[in-house]
Amino acid sequence: MAANNQGVPVVIPSDVWQPLMEIRAQLDSECPGAPTPIEELLREVIGHYERCDKTADEAQDFCKRAQAWKKRT
């Protein structure tokens, strides 16, 4: 069975989208370059597990290890 790579369209109201883009522009000015697809994916995964009481500490530990690794590279 072949994997389906098509995305699902998401509609975000402009009153939500505009403030998010302003925040993103501010962050990009301090750290130029858009996040890579892997960084975006990791952000989503970590955000999910940070919301769960059972996994929040592990998610934070993962972030610390990832940041330490990123500083070495």
Protein backbone atom coordinates (compact mmCIF):
# COMPACT_ATOMS: atom_id res chain seq x y z
CA MET A 1 0.00 0.00 0.00
CA ALA A 2 1.49 3.34 -1.03
CA ALA A 3 1.59 6.22 1.41
CA ASN A 4 -0.60 9.17 0.56
CA ASN A 5 1.43 12.39 0.73
CA GLN A 6 -1.43 14.79 0.11
CA GLY A 7 -2.02 17.35 2.84
CA VAL A 8 -5.25 18.43 4.40
CA PRO A 9 -6.22 22.08 3.91
CA VAL A 10 -6.65 24.04 7.11
CA VAL A 11 -8.61 27.28 7.27
CA ILE A 12 -7.28 29.77 9.81
CA PRO A 13 -9.32 32.93 10.37
CA SER A 14 -7.42 36.10 9.44
CA ASP A 15 -7.87 37.55 12.94
CA VAL A 16 -5.84 34.58 14.22
CA TRP A 17 -3.43 34.33 11.29
CA GLN A 18 -2.34 37.98 11.29
CA PRO A 19 -1.06 38.05 14.90
CA LEU A 20 0.72 34.73 14.33
CA MET A 21 2.48 36.13 11.27
CA GLU A 22 3.50 39.25 13.21
CA ILE A 23 5.04 37.09 15.92
CA ARG A 24 6.74 34.93 13.29
CA ALA A 25 8.17 38.05 11.60
CA GLN A 26 9.57 39.26 14.91
CA LEU A 27 11.17 35.89 15.63
CA ASP A 28 12.57 35.67 12.09
CA SER A 29 14.17 39.09 12.47
CA GLU A 30 16.04 37.82 15.52
CA CYS A 31 16.83 34.42 14.01
CA PRO A 32 16.86 34.74 10.20
CA GLY A 33 15.71 31.88 8.04
CA ALA A 34 12.55 29.88 8.23
CA PRO A 35 12.51 26.77 10.38
CA THR A 36 13.27 23.58 8.50
CA PRO A 37 10.47 21.05 8.02
CA ILE A 38 12.13 18.88 10.70
CA GLU A 39 12.18 21.80 13.16
CA GLU A 40 8.51 22.45 12.45
CA LEU A 41 7.66 18.79 12.98
CA LEU A 42 9.62 18.59 16.22
CA ARG A 43 7.89 21.73 17.47
CA GLU A 44 4.50 20.13 16.82
CA VAL A 45 5.45 16.85 18.49
CA ILE A 46 6.97 18.55 21.52
CA GLY A 47 3.98 20.88 21.86
CA HIS A 48 1.67 17.87 21.90
CA TYR A 49 3.57 16.07 24.64
CA GLU A 50 4.08 19.21 26.73
CA ARG A 51 0.30 19.45 27.10
CA CYS A 52 0.13 16.00 28.70
CA ASP A 53 0.90 15.86 32.43
CA LYS A 54 2.45 12.42 32.07
CA THR A 55 4.94 13.43 29.38
CA ALA A 56 5.60 17.15 29.97
CA ASP A 57 8.85 16.56 31.87
CA GLU A 58 10.18 14.19 29.23
CA ALA A 59 9.32 16.69 26.50
CA GLN A 60 11.26 19.40 28.34
CA ASP A 61 14.23 17.06 28.81
CA PHE A 62 14.17 16.29 25.10
CA CYS A 63 14.20 20.03 24.32
CA LYS A 64 17.23 20.57 26.57
CA ARG A 65 19.13 17.71 24.91
CA ALA A 66 18.19 18.96 21.43
CA GLN A 67 19.33 22.50 22.24
CA ALA A 68 22.64 21.21 23.62
CA TRP A 69 23.14 19.12 20.48
CA LYS A 70 22.29 22.06 18.23
CA LYS A 71 24.91 24.24 19.98
CA ARG A 72 27.58 21.61 19.27
CA THR A 73 26.82 21.51 15.56
